[in-house]
Amino acid sequence: MRALLFLYSMGSRLVCRAKRSLYAGGIRRAAAAPLPVISVGNIALGGSGKTPLVLDLLRFLLEEGFRPALVSRGYKGGWEKIGGVVSDGKSLLAGLEEAGDEPFMAALNTPRAGVYVGRDRLASCRRAAAAGFNVAVLDDGFQHLRLARDFDIVLQDASRGRILREGSSALRRADIVLHAGAPPRLRTVRGAATPLLFPCATSAKGLVPLGGGTPAVPSSAAGERFLAFSGIARPERFFDLLEALGLPPAARISFPDHYAYPDRALARIASEAGAAGCRRLITTEKDAAKLRGRLEAATSLPAFYLKIGLDLPTAFYDAVRARLGQARSAAR
C-alpha cells in the first residue's frame, strides 16, 4: 500500500506541476467568482484538520457580519456530479446521502451559513452569490486552479511519512500557512510574496452524546472501558488524541475514509465492544453525522463523539480580516 501511495504521490505531483504551468503560462485562465473566495487546502493526501478549520472560518465570518457559504465538491455524495444546495442558511435542504459527509456536518454545525456542493465550484459560487451570500469558503481548494481565489489558507502537517499531492515548495503559492509543529522552511523568491506563517494545534472541545444531551468534558470518560472507532483519512490522529487526553481505548476499529457504515459494520462494533467489556462508544464528529439514530439502537451502548477544534492565534484572524478587507476594496 505504501508503494502504491508513493506512486500516486509522484503522479499527483507531476499532474499538479503541469496544471500550474498551463495557468502560469496563460494557456488556461482561472475563472473569477462573483464574490470573494477563501480557499482552504493542503499539500498532503488525507486528513490534516481542514474540516475543523472550515467550520471555524464559517463561524468567524458569521461573527464578523458576513454571509458565508461553504463551497465543496461533496465527495462521494449523491450531488457531487450534478451540484446542489445542502443549506440555504435557513433550512437543511439535503441529507447525508446527497451532501456527502463533510458538507452535511458543516450544515449541521453552522446553520446560518450556506452549503453548496458539486464538482463545478464556479457554478456553486454563482448560486451562492445569487442567493445573497457575500463570501465563499472553498473546501480543499488549493489544487483547484480553475477557480480564482482571493487568498489561500494551507494547513501544513510535517508528520513523517505523509504522502504529498504537491512538493513543499508549493506552499509559496499560499497566502497563509498554518503549521502543526515546526514552521516550514520556505525558500525566498525575489519578487514573490512570502506566506504568513501561524502555528496551529488540534484540541478536544468535549464529548457530545450522539443521541442528544449535554456535552461533557473528555475526562468524564476516564477509567471507563470504551471502544473507539473512526472512518477518517488518518484514524491514528483520533486515537492518539484520545491517548493524549488520558483516554486509552479498550478496543479500537479503523474503517476506510468516508465509510458509509452498513449494518454489518454496526454489528461488528457491537460484537467487539462486547468482547472487550466496553460500556460506551466514542467516535469522531464526522462519523457521528452518519450514525445518528442507528448506532445506539444497534449496540445498546451509549455513544459519544469527540468534538475537536483548532487552536489558532489572534493574529491569524486579524490576517483573514485584513485580506477580506482588501478583497472587498478591490471588488468596488
C-alpha atoms as a PDB file:
ATOM      1  CA  MET A   1       0.000   0.000   0.000  1.00  0.00           C
ATOM      2  CA  ARG A   2       2.846   2.388   0.823  1.00  0.00           C
ATOM      3  CA  ALA A   3       4.347   1.710  -2.597  1.00  0.00           C
ATOM      4  CA  LEU A   4       1.028   2.434  -4.311  1.00  0.00           C
ATOM      5  CA  LEU A   5       0.613   5.656  -2.354  1.00  0.00           C
ATOM      6  CA  PHE A   6       4.161   6.684  -3.247  1.00  0.00           C
ATOM      7  CA  LEU A   7       3.413   6.129  -6.944  1.00  0.00           C
ATOM      8  CA  TYR A   8       0.189   8.119  -6.540  1.00  0.00           C
ATOM      9  CA  SER A   9       2.157  10.936  -4.927  1.00  0.00           C
ATOM     10  CA  MET A  10       4.678  11.043  -7.788  1.00  0.00           C
ATOM     11  CA  GLY A  11       1.881  11.093 -10.368  1.00  0.00           C
ATOM     12  CA  SER A  12      -0.051  13.745  -8.459  1.00  0.00           C
ATOM     13  CA  ARG A  13       2.989  15.999  -8.237  1.00  0.00           C
ATOM     14  CA  LEU A  14       3.585  15.731 -11.987  1.00  0.00           C
ATOM     15  CA  VAL A  15      -0.070  16.478 -12.779  1.00  0.00           C
ATOM     16  CA  CYS A  16      -0.144  19.460 -10.393  1.00  0.00           C
ATOM     17  CA  ARG A  17       3.086  20.834 -11.869  1.00  0.00           C
ATOM     18  CA  ALA A  18       1.699  20.527 -15.399  1.00  0.00           C
ATOM     19  CA  LYS A  19      -1.550  22.265 -14.397  1.00  0.00           C
ATOM     20  CA  ARG A  20       0.326  25.100 -12.715  1.00  0.00           C
ATOM     21  CA  SER A  21       2.415  25.569 -15.857  1.00  0.00           C
ATOM     22  CA  LEU A  22      -0.701  25.885 -18.006  1.00  0.00           C
ATOM     23  CA  TYR A  23      -2.132  28.611 -15.769  1.00  0.00           C
ATOM     24  CA  ALA A  24       1.193  30.380 -15.225  1.00  0.00           C
ATOM     25  CA  GLY A  25       1.776  30.475 -18.970  1.00  0.00           C
ATOM     26  CA  GLY A  26      -1.661  31.903 -19.722  1.00  0.00           C
ATOM     27  CA  ILE A  27      -2.766  28.838 -21.676  1.00  0.00           C
ATOM     28  CA  ARG A  28      -5.572  28.435 -19.180  1.00  0.00           C
ATOM     29  CA  ARG A  29      -7.157  31.170 -17.087  1.00  0.00           C
ATOM     30  CA  ALA A  30      -8.800  30.903 -13.705  1.00  0.00           C
ATOM     31  CA  ALA A  31     -12.442  31.986 -13.693  1.00  0.00           C
ATOM     32  CA  ALA A  32     -13.405  34.732 -11.242  1.00  0.00           C
ATOM     33  CA  ALA A  33     -16.352  34.193  -8.912  1.00  0.00           C
ATOM     34  CA  PRO A  34     -18.883  36.991  -8.220  1.00  0.00           C
ATOM     35  CA  LEU A  35     -17.914  37.057  -4.520  1.00  0.00           C
ATOM     36  CA  PRO A  36     -14.651  36.854  -2.525  1.00  0.00           C
ATOM     37  CA  VAL A  37     -13.276  33.321  -2.260  1.00  0.00           C
ATOM     38  CA  ILE A  38     -11.190  31.990   0.642  1.00  0.00           C
ATOM     39  CA  SER A  39      -9.582  28.664  -0.228  1.00  0.00           C
ATOM     40  CA  VAL A  40      -8.715  26.127   2.466  1.00  0.00           C
ATOM     41  CA  GLY A  41      -6.451  23.267   1.464  1.00  0.00           C
ATOM     42  CA  ASN A  42      -3.264  21.316   1.989  1.00  0.00           C
ATOM     43  CA  ILE A  43      -0.462  19.636   0.066  1.00  0.00           C
ATOM     44  CA  ALA A  44      -0.739  16.223   1.724  1.00  0.00           C
ATOM     45  CA  LEU A  45      -3.018  13.320   0.968  1.00  0.00           C
ATOM     46  CA  GLY A  46      -5.536  12.615   3.712  1.00  0.00           C
ATOM     47  CA  GLY A  47      -6.684  14.441   6.809  1.00  0.00           C
ATOM     48  CA  SER A  48      -4.859  17.493   8.070  1.00  0.00           C
ATOM     49  CA  GLY A  49      -7.533  19.345  10.053  1.00  0.00           C
ATOM     50  CA  LYS A  50      -9.275  21.103   7.144  1.00  0.00           C
ATOM     51  CA  THR A  51     -12.786  20.373   8.389  1.00  0.00           C
ATOM     52  CA  PRO A  52     -12.318  21.987  11.849  1.00  0.00           C
ATOM     53  CA  LEU A  53     -10.679  24.972  10.135  1.00  0.00           C
ATOM     54  CA  VAL A  54     -13.546  25.350   7.648  1.00  0.00           C
ATOM     55  CA  LEU A  55     -16.087  25.282  10.485  1.00  0.00           C
ATOM     56  CA  ASP A  56     -14.044  27.778  12.480  1.00  0.00           C
ATOM     57  CA  LEU A  57     -13.804  30.132   9.496  1.00  0.00           C
ATOM     58  CA  LEU A  58     -17.544  29.963   8.846  1.00  0.00           C
ATOM     59  CA  ARG A  59     -18.262  30.851  12.488  1.00  0.00           C
ATOM     60  CA  PHE A  60     -15.716  33.666  12.421  1.00  0.00           C
ATOM     61  CA  LEU A  61     -17.194  35.141   9.246  1.00  0.00           C
ATOM     62  CA  LEU A  62     -20.696  34.998  10.709  1.00  0.00           C
ATOM     63  CA  GLU A  63     -19.477  36.813  13.827  1.00  0.00           C
ATOM     64  CA  GLU A  64     -17.864  39.460  11.588  1.00  0.00           C
ATOM     65  CA  GLY A  65     -21.213  40.164   9.930  1.00  0.00           C
ATOM     66  CA  PHE A  66     -20.613  38.309   6.657  1.00  0.00           C
ATOM     67  CA  ARG A  67     -22.981  35.864   4.998  1.00  0.00           C
ATOM     68  CA  PRO A  68     -20.586  32.987   4.219  1.00  0.00           C
ATOM     69  CA  ALA A  69     -21.204  29.927   2.098  1.00  0.00           C
ATOM     70  CA  LEU A  70     -19.189  26.736   2.077  1.00  0.00           C
ATOM     71  CA  VAL A  71     -18.414  25.548  -1.447  1.00  0.00           C
ATOM     72  CA  SER A  72     -17.409  21.887  -1.556  1.00  0.00           C
ATOM     73  CA  ARG A  73     -17.098  19.141  -4.121  1.00  0.00           C
ATOM     74  CA  GLY A  74     -19.282  16.948  -1.898  1.00  0.00           C
ATOM     75  CA  TYR A  75     -17.014  13.945  -2.328  1.00  0.00           C
ATOM     76  CA  LYS A  76     -18.961  10.679  -2.650  1.00  0.00           C
ATOM     77  CA  GLY A  77     -22.263  12.472  -2.121  1.00  0.00           C
ATOM     78  CA  GLY A  78     -25.176  11.940  -4.485  1.00  0.00           C
ATOM     79  CA  TRP A  79     -24.986  15.560  -5.703  1.00  0.00           C
ATOM     80  CA  GLU A  80     -21.251  15.537  -6.424  1.00  0.00           C
ATOM     81  CA  LYS A  81     -21.806  15.364 -10.203  1.00  0.00           C
ATOM     82  CA  ILE A  82     -24.961  17.443 -10.563  1.00  0.00           C
ATOM     83  CA  GLY A  83     -24.487  20.033  -7.793  1.00  0.00           C
ATOM     84  CA  GLY A  84     -26.992  21.170  -5.205  1.00  0.00           C
ATOM     85  CA  VAL A  85     -27.810  23.324  -2.179  1.00  0.00           C
ATOM     86  CA  VAL A  86     -27.386  21.495   1.108  1.00  0.00           C
ATOM     87  CA  SER A  87     -28.322  24.529   3.216  1.00  0.00           C
ATOM     88  CA  ASP A  88     -29.574  27.983   2.266  1.00  0.00           C
ATOM     89  CA  GLY A  89     -28.596  29.418   5.647  1.00  0.00           C
ATOM     90  CA  LYS A  90     -32.130  28.947   6.916  1.00  0.00           C
ATOM     91  CA  SER A  91     -33.066  25.306   6.338  1.00  0.00           C
ATOM     92  CA  LEU A  92     -31.313  21.999   5.783  1.00  0.00           C
ATOM     93  CA  LEU A  93     -32.275  21.019   2.234  1.00  0.00           C
ATOM     94  CA  ALA A  94     -30.424  17.727   1.788  1.00  0.00           C
ATOM     95  CA  GLY A  95     -29.437  14.650   3.709  1.00  0.00           C
ATOM     96  CA  LEU A  96     -26.136  12.919   4.218  1.00  0.00           C
ATOM     97  CA  GLU A  97     -26.508  10.802   1.078  1.00  0.00           C
ATOM     98  CA  GLU A  98     -26.911  13.813  -1.211  1.00  0.00           C
ATOM     99  CA  ALA A  99     -24.466  16.155   0.511  1.00  0.00           C
ATOM    100  CA  GLY A 100     -21.541  13.938   1.435  1.00  0.00           C
ATOM    101  CA  ASP A 101     -20.310  13.645   4.997  1.00  0.00           C
ATOM    102  CA  GLU A 102     -18.241  16.814   5.445  1.00  0.00           C
ATOM    103  CA  PRO A 103     -20.720  19.286   3.845  1.00  0.00           C
ATOM    104  CA  PHE A 104     -23.541  17.679   5.829  1.00  0.00           C
ATOM    105  CA  MET A 105     -21.544  18.072   9.029  1.00  0.00           C
ATOM    106  CA  ALA A 106     -20.866  21.724   8.161  1.00  0.00           C
ATOM    107  CA  ALA A 107     -24.571  22.360   7.575  1.00  0.00           C
ATOM    108  CA  LEU A 108     -25.406  20.892  10.996  1.00  0.00           C
ATOM    109  CA  ASN A 109     -22.702  22.927  12.752  1.00  0.00           C
ATOM    110  CA  THR A 110     -23.254  26.297  11.049  1.00  0.00           C
ATOM    111  CA  PRO A 111     -26.963  26.512  10.197  1.00  0.00           C
ATOM    112  CA  ARG A 112     -26.758  30.220   9.235  1.00  0.00           C
ATOM    113  CA  ALA A 113     -24.123  29.554   6.570  1.00  0.00           C
ATOM    114  CA  GLY A 114     -24.898  28.351   3.072  1.00  0.00           C
ATOM    115  CA  VAL A 115     -23.550  24.976   1.950  1.00  0.00           C
ATOM    116  CA  TYR A 116     -23.197  24.242  -1.768  1.00  0.00           C
ATOM    117  CA  VAL A 117     -21.835  21.035  -3.297  1.00  0.00           C
ATOM    118  CA  GLY A 118     -20.821  19.881  -6.772  1.00  0.00           C
ATOM    119  CA  ARG A 119     -17.774  19.428  -8.945  1.00  0.00           C
ATOM    120  CA  ASP A 120     -18.365  22.758 -10.665  1.00  0.00           C
ATOM    121  CA  ARG A 121     -17.234  25.067  -7.870  1.00  0.00           C
ATOM    122  CA  LEU A 122     -17.680  28.198 -10.022  1.00  0.00           C
ATOM    123  CA  ALA A 123     -21.352  27.325 -10.565  1.00  0.00           C
ATOM    124  CA  SER A 124     -21.731  26.869  -6.802  1.00  0.00           C
ATOM    125  CA  CYS A 125     -20.177  30.283  -6.164  1.00  0.00           C
ATOM    126  CA  ARG A 126     -22.566  31.879  -8.631  1.00  0.00           C
ATOM    127  CA  ARG A 127     -25.547  30.224  -6.977  1.00  0.00           C
ATOM    128  CA  ALA A 128     -24.339  31.335  -3.553  1.00  0.00           C
ATOM    129  CA  ALA A 129     -23.883  34.946  -4.709  1.00  0.00           C
ATOM    130  CA  ALA A 130     -27.322  34.958  -6.333  1.00  0.00           C
ATOM    131  CA  ALA A 131     -28.797  33.808  -3.011  1.00  0.00           C
ATOM    132  CA  GLY A 132     -27.234  36.766  -1.184  1.00  0.00           C
ATOM    133  CA  PHE A 133     -24.101  35.203   0.305  1.00  0.00           C
ATOM    134  CA  ASN A 134     -21.116  37.531   0.169  1.00  0.00           C
ATOM    135  CA  VAL A 135     -18.054  35.325   0.760  1.00  0.00           C
ATOM    136  CA  ALA A 136     -17.270  31.734  -0.191  1.00  0.00           C
ATOM    137  CA  VAL A 137     -15.100  29.296   1.748  1.00  0.00           C
ATOM    138  CA  LEU A 138     -13.716  26.852  -0.804  1.00  0.00           C
ATOM    139  CA  ASP A 139     -13.092  23.472   0.801  1.00  0.00           C
ATOM    140  CA  ASP A 140      -9.990  21.567  -0.353  1.00  0.00           C
ATOM    141  CA  GLY A 141      -9.347  24.206  -2.990  1.00  0.00           C
ATOM    142  CA  PHE A 142      -5.569  24.628  -3.118  1.00  0.00           C
ATOM    143  CA  GLN A 143      -5.173  22.418  -6.209  1.00  0.00           C
ATOM    144  CA  HIS A 144      -8.440  23.622  -7.810  1.00  0.00           C
ATOM    145  CA  LEU A 145      -6.818  26.169 -10.118  1.00  0.00           C
ATOM    146  CA  ARG A 146      -9.873  26.615 -12.368  1.00  0.00           C
ATOM    147  CA  LEU A 147     -11.438  28.944  -9.804  1.00  0.00           C
ATOM    148  CA  ALA A 148      -9.706  32.193  -8.862  1.00  0.00           C
ATOM    149  CA  ARG A 149      -9.499  32.878  -5.170  1.00  0.00           C
ATOM    150  CA  ASP A 150      -8.740  35.988  -3.165  1.00  0.00           C
ATOM    151  CA  PHE A 151      -6.429  34.164  -0.806  1.00  0.00           C
ATOM    152  CA  ASP A 152      -5.306  30.635   0.030  1.00  0.00           C
ATOM    153  CA  ILE A 153      -5.006  29.174   3.513  1.00  0.00           C
ATOM    154  CA  VAL A 154      -2.979  25.965   3.634  1.00  0.00           C
ATOM    155  CA  LEU A 155      -2.596  23.580   6.547  1.00  0.00           C
ATOM    156  CA  GLN A 156       0.842  22.046   6.652  1.00  0.00           C
ATOM    157  CA  ASP A 157       1.422  18.889   8.666  1.00  0.00           C
ATOM    158  CA  ALA A 158       5.083  17.957   8.793  1.00  0.00           C
ATOM    159  CA  SER A 159       4.486  14.438  10.163  1.00  0.00           C
ATOM    160  CA  ARG A 160       6.857  11.899   8.781  1.00  0.00           C
ATOM    161  CA  GLY A 161       5.555   9.540   6.126  1.00  0.00           C
ATOM    162  CA  ARG A 162       2.889  11.885   4.773  1.00  0.00           C
ATOM    163  CA  ILE A 163       2.032  11.276   1.117  1.00  0.00           C
ATOM    164  CA  LEU A 164       2.183  14.614  -0.680  1.00  0.00           C
ATOM    165  CA  ARG A 165      -0.055  15.814  -3.511  1.00  0.00           C
ATOM    166  CA  GLU A 166       2.500  18.537  -4.226  1.00  0.00           C
ATOM    167  CA  GLY A 167       6.041  19.217  -3.117  1.00  0.00           C
ATOM    168  CA  SER A 168       6.589  21.508  -0.135  1.00  0.00           C
ATOM    169  CA  SER A 169       7.731  24.286  -2.491  1.00  0.00           C
ATOM    170  CA  ALA A 170       4.037  24.670  -3.443  1.00  0.00           C
ATOM    171  CA  LEU A 171       3.478  26.333  -0.063  1.00  0.00           C
ATOM    172  CA  ARG A 172       4.932  29.514  -1.569  1.00  0.00           C
ATOM    173  CA  ARG A 173       1.682  29.908  -3.535  1.00  0.00           C
ATOM    174  CA  ALA A 174      -0.274  30.207  -0.298  1.00  0.00           C
ATOM    175  CA  ASP A 175      -1.118  33.495   1.398  1.00  0.00           C
ATOM    176  CA  ILE A 176      -1.365  31.961   4.866  1.00  0.00           C
ATOM    177  CA  VAL A 177       0.227  28.713   6.078  1.00  0.00           C
ATOM    178  CA  LEU A 178      -0.937  27.120   9.319  1.00  0.00           C
ATOM    179  CA  HIS A 179       1.659  24.701  10.606  1.00  0.00           C
ATOM    180  CA  ALA A 180       1.355  21.965  13.196  1.00  0.00           C
ATOM    181  CA  GLY A 181       4.786  21.607  14.733  1.00  0.00           C
ATOM    182  CA  ALA A 182       7.858  23.357  13.371  1.00  0.00           C
ATOM    183  CA  PRO A 183       7.237  26.077  10.737  1.00  0.00           C
ATOM    184  CA  PRO A 184       8.118  25.115   7.157  1.00  0.00           C
ATOM    185  CA  ARG A 185      11.341  26.409   5.646  1.00  0.00           C
ATOM    186  CA  LEU A 186      10.310  28.311   2.538  1.00  0.00           C
ATOM    187  CA  ARG A 187      12.910  29.491   0.079  1.00  0.00           C
ATOM    188  CA  THR A 188      12.524  33.198  -0.630  1.00  0.00           C
ATOM    189  CA  VAL A 189      11.912  34.011  -4.292  1.00  0.00           C
ATOM    190  CA  ARG A 190      12.768  37.507  -5.493  1.00  0.00           C
ATOM    191  CA  GLY A 191       9.642  39.441  -6.453  1.00  0.00           C
ATOM    192  CA  ALA A 192       7.297  36.871  -4.910  1.00  0.00           C
ATOM    193  CA  ALA A 193       5.247  37.399  -1.761  1.00  0.00           C
ATOM    194  CA  THR A 194       6.084  35.334   1.311  1.00  0.00           C
ATOM    195  CA  PRO A 195       3.193  33.498   3.025  1.00  0.00           C
ATOM    196  CA  LEU A 196       2.230  34.474   6.541  1.00  0.00           C
ATOM    197  CA  LEU A 197       3.023  31.629   8.962  1.00  0.00           C
ATOM    198  CA  PHE A 198       0.927  30.838  12.041  1.00  0.00           C
ATOM    199  CA  PRO A 199       1.065  27.863  14.413  1.00  0.00           C
ATOM    200  CA  CYS A 200      -1.992  25.714  14.989  1.00  0.00           C
ATOM    201  CA  ALA A 201      -2.835  22.785  17.230  1.00  0.00           C
ATOM    202  CA  THR A 202      -5.727  20.353  17.449  1.00  0.00           C
ATOM    203  CA  SER A 203      -7.541  20.270  20.774  1.00  0.00           C
ATOM    204  CA  ALA A 204     -10.522  18.441  22.233  1.00  0.00           C
ATOM    205  CA  LYS A 205     -13.600  20.556  22.971  1.00  0.00           C
ATOM    206  CA  GLY A 206     -15.778  17.928  24.655  1.00  0.00           C
ATOM    207  CA  LEU A 207     -17.608  14.610  24.447  1.00  0.00           C
ATOM    208  CA  VAL A 208     -21.024  15.039  22.860  1.00  0.00           C
ATOM    209  CA  PRO A 209     -23.778  12.367  23.106  1.00  0.00           C
ATOM    210  CA  LEU A 210     -24.930  11.133  19.702  1.00  0.00           C
ATOM    211  CA  GLY A 211     -28.487  10.920  20.944  1.00  0.00           C
ATOM    212  CA  GLY A 212     -28.516  14.483  22.249  1.00  0.00           C
ATOM    213  CA  GLY A 213     -27.782  15.871  25.664  1.00  0.00           C
ATOM    214  CA  THR A 214     -25.266  17.998  27.489  1.00  0.00           C
ATOM    215  CA  PRO A 215     -21.646  17.795  26.265  1.00  0.00           C
ATOM    216  CA  ALA A 216     -19.187  16.537  28.860  1.00  0.00           C
ATOM    217  CA  VAL A 217     -15.506  17.204  29.430  1.00  0.00           C
ATOM    218  CA  PRO A 218     -13.360  14.389  27.992  1.00  0.00           C
ATOM    219  CA  SER A 219     -12.066  13.456  31.455  1.00  0.00           C
ATOM    220  CA  SER A 220     -15.591  12.246  32.328  1.00  0.00           C
ATOM    221  CA  ALA A 221     -14.768   9.030  30.449  1.00  0.00           C
ATOM    222  CA  ALA A 222     -11.501   8.426  32.322  1.00  0.00           C
ATOM    223  CA  GLY A 223     -11.241   4.936  33.801  1.00  0.00           C
ATOM    224  CA  GLU A 224     -14.204   3.610  31.817  1.00  0.00           C
ATOM    225  CA  ARG A 225     -13.755   0.878  29.231  1.00  0.00           C
ATOM    226  CA  PHE A 226     -14.824   2.051  25.792  1.00  0.00           C
ATOM    227  CA  LEU A 227     -14.425   1.192  22.132  1.00  0.00           C
ATOM    228  CA  ALA A 228     -13.154   3.926  19.823  1.00  0.00           C
ATOM    229  CA  PHE A 229     -13.770   3.750  16.084  1.00  0.00           C
ATOM    230  CA  SER A 230     -13.448   6.022  13.072  1.00  0.00           C
ATOM    231  CA  GLY A 231     -13.746   6.130   9.303  1.00  0.00           C
ATOM    232  CA  ILE A 232     -11.460   9.057   8.511  1.00  0.00           C
ATOM    233  CA  ALA A 233      -8.329   9.513   6.421  1.00  0.00           C
ATOM    234  CA  ARG A 234      -5.883   9.365   9.342  1.00  0.00           C
ATOM    235  CA  PRO A 235      -7.520   7.425  12.181  1.00  0.00           C
ATOM    236  CA  GLU A 236      -4.272   7.423  14.182  1.00  0.00           C
ATOM    237  CA  ARG A 237      -4.746  11.162  14.791  1.00  0.00           C
ATOM    238  CA  PHE A 238      -8.053  10.446  16.525  1.00  0.00           C
ATOM    239  CA  PHE A 239      -6.685   7.549  18.583  1.00  0.00           C
ATOM    240  CA  ASP A 240      -3.534   9.487  19.506  1.00  0.00           C
ATOM    241  CA  LEU A 241      -5.646  12.414  20.712  1.00  0.00           C
ATOM    242  CA  LEU A 242      -7.667  10.087  22.949  1.00  0.00           C
ATOM    243  CA  GLU A 243      -4.438   8.686  24.393  1.00  0.00           C
ATOM    244  CA  ALA A 244      -3.113  12.218  24.988  1.00  0.00           C
ATOM    245  CA  LEU A 245      -6.317  13.031  26.894  1.00  0.00           C
ATOM    246  CA  GLY A 246      -5.714  10.077  29.192  1.00  0.00           C
ATOM    247  CA  LEU A 247      -8.426   8.016  27.495  1.00  0.00           C
ATOM    248  CA  PRO A 248      -6.828   4.823  26.155  1.00  0.00           C
ATOM    249  CA  PRO A 249      -9.468   2.767  24.300  1.00  0.00           C
ATOM    250  CA  ALA A 250     -10.057  -0.784  25.466  1.00  0.00           C
ATOM    251  CA  ALA A 251     -10.677  -1.630  21.800  1.00  0.00           C
ATOM    252  CA  ARG A 252     -10.434   0.277  18.545  1.00  0.00           C
ATOM    253  CA  ILE A 253     -11.602  -0.152  14.953  1.00  0.00           C
ATOM    254  CA  SER A 254     -10.438   1.751  11.863  1.00  0.00           C
ATOM    255  CA  PHE A 255     -12.769   1.875   8.868  1.00  0.00           C
ATOM    256  CA  PRO A 256     -11.909   3.363   5.431  1.00  0.00           C
ATOM    257  CA  ASP A 257     -12.214   7.114   4.889  1.00  0.00           C
ATOM    258  CA  HIS A 258     -15.763   8.310   4.092  1.00  0.00           C
ATOM    259  CA  TYR A 259     -17.133   4.970   5.293  1.00  0.00           C
ATOM    260  CA  ALA A 260     -20.902   4.553   4.917  1.00  0.00           C
ATOM    261  CA  TYR A 261     -21.442   2.233   7.928  1.00  0.00           C
ATOM    262  CA  PRO A 262     -23.707  -0.551   6.648  1.00  0.00           C
ATOM    263  CA  ASP A 263     -25.498  -2.713   9.211  1.00  0.00           C
ATOM    264  CA  ARG A 264     -22.684  -5.283   9.223  1.00  0.00           C
ATOM    265  CA  ALA A 265     -20.292  -2.587  10.479  1.00  0.00           C
ATOM    266  CA  LEU A 266     -22.611  -1.761  13.372  1.00  0.00           C
ATOM    267  CA  ALA A 267     -22.810  -5.469  14.202  1.00  0.00           C
ATOM    268  CA  ARG A 268     -19.004  -5.624  14.252  1.00  0.00           C
ATOM    269  CA  ILE A 269     -18.812  -2.611  16.568  1.00  0.00           C
ATOM    270  CA  ALA A 270     -21.328  -4.207  18.930  1.00  0.00           C
ATOM    271  CA  SER A 271     -19.508  -7.554  18.861  1.00  0.00           C
ATOM    272  CA  GLU A 272     -16.021  -6.145  19.516  1.00  0.00           C
ATOM    273  CA  ALA A 273     -17.304  -3.777  22.198  1.00  0.00           C
ATOM    274  CA  GLY A 274     -18.983  -6.685  23.968  1.00  0.00           C
ATOM    275  CA  ALA A 275     -15.898  -8.886  23.728  1.00  0.00           C
ATOM    276  CA  ALA A 276     -13.753  -6.137  25.271  1.00  0.00           C
ATOM    277  CA  GLY A 277     -16.248  -5.400  28.057  1.00  0.00           C
ATOM    278  CA  CYS A 278     -16.834  -1.829  26.845  1.00  0.00           C
ATOM    279  CA  ARG A 279     -19.516   0.330  28.419  1.00  0.00           C
ATOM    280  CA  ARG A 280     -19.565   3.155  25.869  1.00  0.00           C
ATOM    281  CA  LEU A 281     -18.528   4.051  22.318  1.00  0.00           C
ATOM    282  CA  ILE A 282     -16.531   7.084  21.189  1.00  0.00           C
ATOM    283  CA  THR A 283     -16.146   8.183  17.574  1.00  0.00           C
ATOM    284  CA  THR A 284     -15.378  11.299  15.521  1.00  0.00           C
ATOM    285  CA  GLU A 285     -17.839  14.060  14.720  1.00  0.00           C
ATOM    286  CA  LYS A 286     -17.717  13.256  11.006  1.00  0.00           C
ATOM    287  CA  ASP A 287     -18.611   9.629  11.694  1.00  0.00           C
ATOM    288  CA  ALA A 288     -21.309  10.647  14.158  1.00  0.00           C
ATOM    289  CA  ALA A 289     -23.153  12.574  11.435  1.00  0.00           C
ATOM    290  CA  LYS A 290     -23.705   9.264   9.607  1.00  0.00           C
ATOM    291  CA  LEU A 291     -24.813   7.293  12.639  1.00  0.00           C
ATOM    292  CA  ARG A 292     -27.458   9.402  14.343  1.00  0.00           C
ATOM    293  CA  GLY A 293     -30.362   7.218  15.426  1.00  0.00           C
ATOM    294  CA  ARG A 294     -28.621   3.989  14.336  1.00  0.00           C
ATOM    295  CA  LEU A 295     -25.563   3.329  16.465  1.00  0.00           C
ATOM    296  CA  GLU A 296     -27.059   3.210  19.938  1.00  0.00           C
ATOM    297  CA  ALA A 297     -30.041   1.188  18.728  1.00  0.00           C
ATOM    298  CA  ALA A 298     -27.740  -1.392  17.124  1.00  0.00           C
ATOM    299  CA  THR A 299     -25.313  -1.667  20.040  1.00  0.00           C
ATOM    300  CA  SER A 300     -27.386  -0.832  23.159  1.00  0.00           C
ATOM    301  CA  LEU A 301     -24.414   1.243  24.358  1.00  0.00           C
ATOM    302  CA  PRO A 302     -24.231   4.995  24.995  1.00  0.00           C
ATOM    303  CA  ALA A 303     -22.285   6.645  22.165  1.00  0.00           C
ATOM    304  CA  PHE A 304     -20.385   9.927  22.036  1.00  0.00           C
ATOM    305  CA  TYR A 305     -18.297  11.859  19.559  1.00  0.00           C
ATOM    306  CA  LEU A 306     -15.154  13.763  20.437  1.00  0.00           C
ATOM    307  CA  LYS A 307     -15.607  17.328  19.276  1.00  0.00           C
ATOM    308  CA  ILE A 308     -12.308  18.835  18.190  1.00  0.00           C
ATOM    309  CA  GLY A 309     -11.179  22.236  17.025  1.00  0.00           C
ATOM    310  CA  LEU A 310      -8.055  24.151  16.107  1.00  0.00           C
ATOM    311  CA  ASP A 311      -6.312  26.492  18.499  1.00  0.00           C
ATOM    312  CA  LEU A 312      -5.259  29.492  16.411  1.00  0.00           C
ATOM    313  CA  PRO A 313      -3.600  32.779  17.372  1.00  0.00           C
ATOM    314  CA  THR A 314      -5.481  36.076  17.262  1.00  0.00           C
ATOM    315  CA  ALA A 315      -3.036  37.249  14.592  1.00  0.00           C
ATOM    316  CA  PHE A 316      -4.433  34.640  12.209  1.00  0.00           C
ATOM    317  CA  TYR A 317      -7.938  36.099  12.439  1.00  0.00           C
ATOM    318  CA  ASP A 318      -6.518  39.590  12.058  1.00  0.00           C
ATOM    319  CA  ALA A 319      -4.826  38.460   8.841  1.00  0.00           C
ATOM    320  CA  VAL A 320      -8.053  36.930   7.499  1.00  0.00           C
ATOM    321  CA  ARG A 321      -9.926  40.127   8.347  1.00  0.00           C
ATOM    322  CA  ALA A 322      -7.300  42.245   6.564  1.00  0.00           C
ATOM    323  CA  ARG A 323      -7.240  40.041   3.459  1.00  0.00           C
ATOM    324  CA  LEU A 324     -11.019  40.115   3.214  1.00  0.00           C
ATOM    325  CA  GLY A 325     -10.963  43.877   3.502  1.00  0.00           C
ATOM    326  CA  GLN A 326      -8.510  44.037   0.611  1.00  0.00           C
ATOM    327  CA  ALA A 327     -10.685  41.713  -1.447  1.00  0.00           C
ATOM    328  CA  ARG A 328     -13.798  43.811  -0.867  1.00  0.00           C
ATOM    329  CA  SER A 329     -11.962  47.034  -1.699  1.00  0.00           C
ATOM    330  CA  ALA A 330     -10.654  45.555  -4.941  1.00  0.00           C
ATOM    331  CA  ALA A 331     -14.188  44.472  -5.917  1.00  0.00           C
ATOM    332  CA  ARG A 332     -15.583  48.008  -5.632  1.00  0.00           C
END
